[in-house]
């Protein structure tokens, strides 16, 4: 389970507290500005580096990777009129995906997913502030899934260079959500391979793997479901910051989330079936062991009885020890033949009843 993040109880609203793991990590900042005919990309060190480029009519994308400079965020909120509650949500990680409307801006929270080695999934919060001409994105760390959007802007490919800032926000949201497709596809392949091997090796470790699958599916399902709700809100936006023609693109992205949720529901059903399959397989193996032990016990019980009677070596009529193998030369042979006959008879009976 993910750890719950929260501010200390009793903290005043809009209090800015950096997450401990990011307090000493300086953020990386960049600015992209463009229109239909030009594109420029700049590195940013201080808030003053932004001002010369924001007076034009071009669309601007300010991207911040890292949360370790609280003073920069305070200046950013002051100059771009980011609401204090929105700024608090940017720094207070663990927010659910959502859309909130403030004065002349939309504040959007998403969860971005990465797949690392050994199918380990990593999730991080992405915050987006949308205004009429400016889009501000804040991520937890460097490295993201937004490079295809940057490259399209550099190359002038697609519609982004010819449309407003709301389309840029759509492109960023679409890139974040599309990243779930390869994760879900990889998860589906892993589930198929796991299910084929489950019957052959129904060990306790398999139970842990099934629970890990269910945990990942639940986390992805939750994020995709909440981000579907975000897209639904953007499709119904009445602030004027999302144009009608851009809402059509959000609707297409919304459809993608519905497809993902359908697949995740089928995966969830598969994990339930795999748990039942594991329990059934374990029960079958247990029953097989019990059946073998029962057959062995059924065979050896009469043999033990015969051996016990034969091995008493006491004649109650004469009141003395009796050793048939000495008094009767065929005693051992008779006992062995009797044991073999009883064994063969029992096995033949089991075979006839189809218990073997």
Protein backbone atom coordinates (compact mmCIF):
# COMPACT_ATOMS: atom_id res chain seq x y z
CA UNK A 1 0.00 0.00 0.00
CA UNK A 2 1.20 3.51 -0.81
CA UNK A 3 2.08 5.63 2.19
CA UNK A 4 -0.41 8.37 2.98
CA UNK A 5 1.08 11.84 2.61
CA UNK A 6 -0.35 14.72 4.59
CA UNK A 7 0.62 17.93 6.33
CA UNK A 8 0.89 17.92 10.13
CA UNK A 9 -2.58 18.13 11.71
CA UNK A 10 -3.54 21.73 12.48
CA UNK A 11 -1.36 23.20 9.70
CA UNK A 12 -2.78 26.43 8.27
CA UNK A 13 -4.23 26.23 4.73
CA UNK A 14 -1.82 26.97 1.86
CA UNK A 15 1.22 26.17 4.03
CA UNK A 16 4.19 25.20 1.84
CA UNK A 17 6.25 22.28 3.13
CA UNK A 18 8.74 20.51 0.90
CA UNK A 19 8.72 16.70 0.88
CA UNK A 20 11.80 15.52 2.85
CA UNK A 21 13.23 13.54 -0.06
CA UNK A 22 13.30 16.65 -2.30
CA UNK A 23 14.59 19.29 0.11
CA UNK A 24 18.15 19.21 -1.23
CA UNK A 25 17.36 18.54 -4.91
CA UNK A 26 17.53 21.71 -6.99
CA UNK A 27 14.89 21.74 -9.72
CA UNK A 28 15.69 21.88 -13.42
CA UNK A 29 13.72 24.57 -15.21
CA UNK A 30 13.13 25.23 -18.92
CA UNK A 31 10.97 27.46 -21.12
CA UNK A 32 9.59 26.64 -24.55
CA UNK A 33 7.82 29.36 -26.51
CA UNK A 34 6.40 29.04 -29.98
CA UNK A 35 3.87 30.08 -32.54
CA UNK A 36 3.04 28.86 -36.03
CA UNK A 37 6.29 30.23 -37.48
CA UNK A 38 8.90 30.04 -34.71
CA UNK A 39 10.14 27.97 -31.81
CA UNK A 40 12.59 28.82 -29.03
CA UNK A 41 13.87 26.81 -26.10
CA UNK A 42 15.62 28.34 -23.08
CA UNK A 43 17.19 27.19 -19.83
CA UNK A 44 15.94 29.03 -16.76
CA UNK A 45 17.84 29.62 -13.53
CA UNK A 46 15.83 32.31 -11.72
CA UNK A 47 12.36 33.75 -12.04
CA UNK A 48 13.81 36.86 -13.71
CA UNK A 49 14.98 34.75 -16.64
CA UNK A 50 11.36 34.16 -17.62
CA UNK A 51 10.13 37.71 -17.92
CA UNK A 52 11.81 38.79 -21.20
CA UNK A 53 10.10 35.95 -23.06
CA UNK A 54 6.58 36.25 -21.67
CA UNK A 55 5.63 39.62 -23.13
CA UNK A 56 5.03 38.31 -26.65
CA UNK A 57 1.88 36.72 -27.99
CA UNK A 58 3.54 33.32 -28.32
CA UNK A 59 2.45 30.25 -26.38
CA UNK A 60 4.82 29.48 -23.49
CA UNK A 61 5.47 26.19 -21.73
CA UNK A 62 7.35 26.42 -18.43
CA UNK A 63 8.53 23.03 -17.20
CA UNK A 64 9.99 22.43 -13.73
CA UNK A 65 11.59 19.09 -12.81
CA UNK A 66 12.06 18.82 -9.06
CA UNK A 67 10.57 20.44 -5.96
CA UNK A 68 13.65 21.51 -3.99
CA UNK A 69 13.40 25.32 -4.40
CA UNK A 70 10.48 26.62 -2.38
CA UNK A 71 11.49 30.25 -2.92
CA UNK A 72 11.29 29.84 -6.69
CA UNK A 73 7.79 28.38 -6.40
CA UNK A 74 6.68 31.27 -4.21
CA UNK A 75 7.95 33.78 -6.78
CA UNK A 76 6.36 31.76 -9.59
CA UNK A 77 3.00 31.80 -7.83
CA UNK A 78 3.30 35.54 -7.16
CA UNK A 79 4.11 36.55 -10.74
CA UNK A 80 1.74 34.12 -12.49
CA UNK A 81 -1.08 34.42 -9.94
CA UNK A 82 -1.13 30.75 -9.06
CA UNK A 83 -3.62 30.26 -6.25
CA UNK A 84 -2.00 29.46 -2.86
CA UNK A 85 -4.07 26.28 -2.53
CA UNK A 86 -2.90 25.13 -5.96
CA UNK A 87 0.71 25.81 -4.99
CA UNK A 88 0.22 23.81 -1.80
CA UNK A 89 -1.09 20.87 -3.86
CA UNK A 90 1.94 21.09 -6.17
CA UNK A 91 4.35 20.62 -3.26
CA UNK A 92 2.17 18.32 -1.16
CA UNK A 93 2.57 15.06 -3.07
CA UNK A 94 -0.02 12.33 -2.97
CA UNK A 95 -2.83 14.37 -4.51
CA UNK A 96 -5.49 12.47 -6.41
CA UNK A 97 -5.89 13.29 -10.14
CA UNK A 98 -8.25 16.24 -10.34
CA UNK A 99 -9.17 19.53 -12.02
CA UNK A 100 -9.76 22.73 -10.09
CA UNK A 101 -10.74 26.10 -11.50
CA UNK A 102 -9.24 29.29 -10.09
CA UNK A 103 -9.23 32.86 -11.39
CA UNK A 104 -8.45 32.68 -15.13
CA UNK A 105 -6.62 29.37 -14.79
CA UNK A 106 -7.16 25.64 -14.48
CA UNK A 107 -5.12 23.52 -12.09
CA UNK A 108 -4.74 19.87 -13.14
CA UNK A 109 -3.11 17.00 -11.24
CA UNK A 110 -2.15 13.75 -12.99
CA UNK A 111 -0.19 10.64 -12.12
CA UNK A 112 2.59 9.75 -14.52
CA UNK A 113 3.68 6.10 -14.71
CA UNK A 114 7.08 4.65 -15.57
CA UNK A 115 8.11 1.02 -15.97
CA UNK A 116 11.55 0.22 -14.62
CA UNK A 117 13.62 -2.95 -14.68
CA UNK A 118 12.05 -6.22 -13.58
CA UNK A 119 8.57 -4.84 -14.31
CA UNK A 120 8.72 -2.44 -11.38
CA UNK A 121 6.23 0.40 -11.81
CA UNK A 122 6.95 3.91 -10.57
CA UNK A 123 4.32 6.63 -10.28
CA UNK A 124 4.86 10.33 -9.79
CA UNK A 125 2.67 13.40 -9.57
CA UNK A 126 2.49 15.88 -12.45
CA UNK A 127 0.86 19.27 -11.85
CA UNK A 128 -0.32 21.45 -14.74
CA UNK A 129 -1.39 25.10 -14.56
CA UNK A 130 -3.25 26.25 -17.68
CA UNK A 131 -3.80 29.91 -18.48
CA UNK A 132 -4.73 31.62 -21.73
CA UNK A 133 -1.19 31.68 -23.16
CA UNK A 134 0.95 29.83 -20.62
CA UNK A 135 1.18 26.20 -19.51
CA UNK A 136 3.23 25.42 -16.39
CA UNK A 137 4.14 21.81 -15.59
CA UNK A 138 5.77 20.65 -12.35
CA UNK A 139 7.17 17.14 -11.94
CA UNK A 140 8.83 15.39 -9.04
CA UNK A 141 12.09 14.62 -10.84
CA UNK A 142 13.83 14.75 -14.19
CA UNK A 143 12.85 12.18 -16.77
CA UNK A 144 9.32 11.97 -18.08
CA UNK A 145 7.08 10.83 -20.93
CA UNK A 146 6.70 14.32 -22.43
CA UNK A 147 9.67 14.22 -24.80
CA UNK A 148 7.49 13.30 -27.82
CA UNK A 149 5.53 16.53 -27.26
CA UNK A 150 8.74 18.55 -27.07
CA UNK A 151 10.02 16.95 -30.26
CA UNK A 152 6.79 17.67 -32.14
CA UNK A 153 7.04 21.32 -31.09
CA UNK A 154 10.66 21.50 -32.23
CA UNK A 155 9.88 19.91 -35.60
CA UNK A 156 6.62 21.76 -36.14
CA UNK A 157 4.78 18.46 -36.58
CA UNK A 158 1.09 18.18 -35.77
CA UNK A 159 -1.34 20.85 -34.64
CA UNK A 160 0.32 22.13 -31.47
CA UNK A 161 2.22 25.00 -33.11
CA UNK A 162 -0.98 26.31 -34.70
CA UNK A 163 -3.32 26.15 -31.71
CA UNK A 164 -3.78 27.73 -28.29
CA UNK A 165 -2.33 26.76 -24.94
CA UNK A 166 -5.27 24.48 -24.21
CA UNK A 167 -4.14 22.18 -27.03
CA UNK A 168 -0.66 22.04 -25.50
CA UNK A 169 -2.25 21.03 -22.21
CA UNK A 170 -4.18 18.33 -24.08
CA UNK A 171 -0.99 17.05 -25.73
CA UNK A 172 0.74 16.80 -22.35
CA UNK A 173 -2.22 15.03 -20.73
CA UNK A 174 -2.50 12.67 -23.70
CA UNK A 175 1.22 11.80 -23.45
CA UNK A 176 0.85 11.00 -19.73
CA UNK A 177 -2.20 8.81 -20.26
CA UNK A 178 -0.86 7.05 -23.36
CA UNK A 179 2.10 5.85 -21.31
CA UNK A 180 -0.32 3.52 -19.50
CA UNK A 181 -0.92 1.57 -22.73
CA UNK A 182 2.52 -0.16 -22.83
CA UNK A 183 2.31 -0.77 -19.07
CA UNK A 184 -1.07 -2.46 -19.42
CA UNK A 185 0.09 -4.42 -22.46
CA UNK A 186 3.20 -5.62 -20.64
CA UNK A 187 1.10 -6.54 -17.62
CA UNK A 188 -1.24 -8.56 -19.84
CA UNK A 189 1.62 -10.54 -21.39
CA UNK A 190 3.06 -11.25 -17.97
CA UNK A 191 -0.33 -12.46 -16.74
CA UNK A 192 -0.68 -14.82 -19.72
CA UNK A 193 2.76 -16.35 -19.12
CA UNK A 194 2.09 -16.63 -15.41
CA UNK A 195 -1.25 -18.34 -15.94
CA UNK A 196 0.31 -20.97 -18.24
CA UNK A 197 2.91 -21.87 -15.63
CA UNK A 198 0.60 -21.78 -12.63
CA UNK A 199 -0.69 -25.32 -13.02
CA UNK A 200 2.81 -26.74 -13.35
CA UNK A 201 4.25 -24.97 -10.31
CA UNK A 202 1.51 -24.09 -7.78
CA UNK A 203 3.93 -23.00 -5.03
CA UNK A 204 3.49 -20.48 -2.22
CA UNK A 205 5.59 -17.98 -4.13
CA UNK A 206 2.85 -17.95 -6.77
CA UNK A 207 0.43 -16.54 -4.22
CA UNK A 208 2.78 -13.61 -3.61
CA UNK A 209 3.03 -13.01 -7.35
CA UNK A 210 -0.75 -13.05 -7.74
CA UNK A 211 -1.11 -10.49 -4.95
CA UNK A 212 1.55 -8.32 -6.64
CA UNK A 213 -0.40 -8.48 -9.89
CA UNK A 214 -3.60 -7.49 -8.10
CA UNK A 215 -1.85 -4.61 -6.35
CA UNK A 216 -0.47 -3.22 -9.64
CA UNK A 217 -3.79 -3.66 -11.40
CA UNK A 218 -5.64 -1.88 -8.58
CA UNK A 219 -3.17 1.03 -8.61
CA UNK A 220 -3.33 1.48 -12.39
CA UNK A 221 -7.12 1.08 -12.39
CA UNK A 222 -7.47 3.76 -9.73
CA UNK A 223 -5.21 6.23 -11.56
CA UNK A 224 -6.77 5.66 -14.98
CA UNK A 225 -10.28 5.89 -13.53
CA UNK A 226 -9.55 9.20 -11.79
CA UNK A 227 -7.84 10.60 -14.88
CA UNK A 228 -10.87 9.61 -16.92
CA UNK A 229 -12.89 11.80 -14.57
CA UNK A 230 -10.38 14.62 -15.14
CA UNK A 231 -10.91 14.35 -18.89
CA UNK A 232 -14.66 14.33 -18.37
CA UNK A 233 -14.41 17.61 -16.44
CA UNK A 234 -12.23 19.17 -19.14
CA UNK A 235 -14.74 18.12 -21.80
CA UNK A 236 -17.44 19.99 -19.85
CA UNK A 237 -15.25 22.99 -18.98
CA UNK A 238 -17.09 26.31 -18.86
CA UNK A 239 -14.22 28.59 -17.92
CA UNK A 240 -13.46 29.45 -21.55
CA UNK A 241 -9.88 28.22 -21.26
CA UNK A 242 -10.66 25.04 -23.23
CA UNK A 243 -11.92 25.71 -26.75
CA UNK A 244 -14.69 23.63 -28.26
CA UNK A 245 -12.41 22.15 -30.90
CA UNK A 246 -9.95 21.08 -28.20
CA UNK A 247 -12.72 19.33 -26.30
CA UNK A 248 -13.00 16.92 -29.23
CA UNK A 249 -9.40 15.86 -28.61
CA UNK A 250 -10.09 15.43 -24.91
CA UNK A 251 -13.02 13.20 -25.85
CA UNK A 252 -10.69 10.97 -27.88
CA UNK A 253 -8.33 10.76 -24.90
CA UNK A 254 -11.33 9.95 -22.70
CA UNK A 255 -12.16 7.01 -24.98
CA UNK A 256 -8.61 5.71 -24.52
CA UNK A 257 -9.07 5.62 -20.76
CA UNK A 258 -12.31 3.66 -21.20
CA UNK A 259 -10.45 1.07 -23.29
CA UNK A 260 -7.75 0.83 -20.60
CA UNK A 261 -10.32 0.33 -17.88
CA UNK A 262 -11.98 -2.47 -19.87
CA UNK A 263 -8.65 -4.27 -20.14
CA UNK A 264 -7.89 -3.75 -16.46
CA UNK A 265 -11.29 -5.17 -15.52
CA UNK A 266 -10.51 -8.28 -17.56
CA UNK A 267 -7.11 -8.51 -15.82
CA UNK A 268 -8.80 -8.24 -12.46
CA UNK A 269 -11.11 -11.11 -13.38
CA UNK A 270 -8.09 -13.11 -14.56
CA UNK A 271 -6.36 -12.72 -11.21
CA UNK A 272 -9.50 -13.96 -9.45
CA UNK A 273 -9.57 -16.95 -11.80
CA UNK A 274 -5.88 -17.56 -11.20
CA UNK A 275 -6.44 -17.59 -7.45
CA UNK A 276 -9.22 -20.13 -7.90
CA UNK A 277 -6.99 -22.09 -10.29
CA UNK A 278 -4.19 -22.11 -7.73
CA UNK A 279 -6.50 -23.32 -4.96
CA UNK A 280 -7.99 -25.97 -7.26
CA UNK A 281 -4.55 -27.14 -8.36
CA UNK A 282 -3.36 -27.31 -4.76
CA UNK A 283 -6.49 -29.23 -3.78
CA UNK A 284 -5.96 -31.69 -6.64
CA UNK A 285 -2.36 -32.27 -5.64
CA UNK A 286 -3.40 -32.75 -2.01
CA UNK A 287 -6.13 -35.21 -2.99
CA UNK A 288 -3.65 -37.11 -5.14
CA UNK A 289 -1.26 -37.42 -2.20
CA UNK A 290 -4.08 -38.55 0.10
CA UNK A 291 -5.19 -41.11 -2.51
CA UNK A 292 -1.68 -42.57 -2.80
CA UNK A 293 -1.26 -42.71 0.97
CA UNK A 294 -4.68 -44.37 1.32
CA UNK A 295 -3.76 -47.01 -1.24
CA UNK A 296 -0.46 -47.66 0.50
CA UNK A 297 -2.20 -47.94 3.85
CA UNK A 298 -4.82 -50.28 2.37
CA UNK A 299 -2.09 -52.52 0.97
CA UNK A 300 0.14 -52.62 4.02
CA UNK A 301 -2.56 -52.95 6.69
CA UNK A 302 -3.40 -56.62 5.97
CA UNK A 303 0.29 -57.35 5.43
CA UNK A 304 1.05 -55.91 8.84
CA UNK A 305 -1.70 -58.08 10.32
CA UNK A 306 -0.27 -61.20 8.70
CA UNK A 307 3.24 -60.38 9.79
CA UNK A 308 2.04 -59.69 13.32
CA UNK A 309 0.23 -63.01 13.62
CA UNK A 310 3.08 -64.95 12.03
CA UNK A 311 5.70 -63.23 14.13
CA UNK A 312 4.10 -63.89 17.53
CA UNK A 313 6.22 -67.09 17.91
CA UNK A 314 4.07 -68.40 20.75
CA UNK A 315 1.88 -71.48 20.86
CA UNK A 316 -0.98 -70.83 23.32
CA UNK A 317 -2.01 -74.50 23.33
CA UNK A 318 1.37 -75.73 24.43
CA UNK A 319 2.34 -72.72 26.47
CA UNK A 320 5.74 -72.29 24.86
CA UNK A 321 7.51 -70.50 22.05
CA UNK A 322 6.62 -71.64 18.58
CA UNK A 323 8.91 -71.01 15.59
CA UNK A 324 7.17 -72.19 12.40
CA UNK A 325 10.26 -71.59 10.30
CA UNK A 326 12.00 -74.30 12.36
CA UNK A 327 9.13 -76.76 12.82
CA UNK A 328 7.82 -76.42 9.27
CA UNK A 329 10.45 -76.09 6.51
CA UNK A 330 8.04 -74.25 4.19
CA UNK A 331 6.97 -71.67 6.79
CA UNK A 332 8.81 -68.73 5.29
CA UNK A 333 7.78 -69.62 1.75
CA UNK A 334 4.16 -69.93 2.79
CA UNK A 335 4.25 -66.52 4.53
CA UNK A 336 5.87 -64.85 1.54
CA UNK A 337 3.37 -66.37 -0.89
CA UNK A 338 0.49 -65.32 1.37
CA UNK A 339 1.77 -61.76 1.51
CA UNK A 340 2.22 -61.60 -2.27
CA UNK A 341 -1.22 -63.09 -2.87
CA UNK A 342 -2.92 -60.58 -0.59
CA UNK A 343 -1.00 -57.68 -2.19
CA UNK A 344 -1.88 -58.76 -5.73
CA UNK A 345 -5.50 -59.28 -4.73
CA UNK A 346 -5.81 -55.83 -3.21
CA UNK A 347 -4.17 -54.15 -6.22
CA UNK A 348 -6.40 -56.10 -8.62
CA UNK A 349 -9.45 -55.01 -6.65
CA UNK A 350 -8.35 -51.33 -6.80
CA UNK A 351 -7.65 -51.67 -10.51
CA UNK A 352 -11.09 -53.13 -11.16
CA UNK A 353 -12.70 -50.27 -9.25
CA UNK A 354 -10.52 -47.81 -11.26
CA UNK A 355 -8.99 -46.40 -8.10
CA UNK A 356 -5.52 -46.81 -9.60
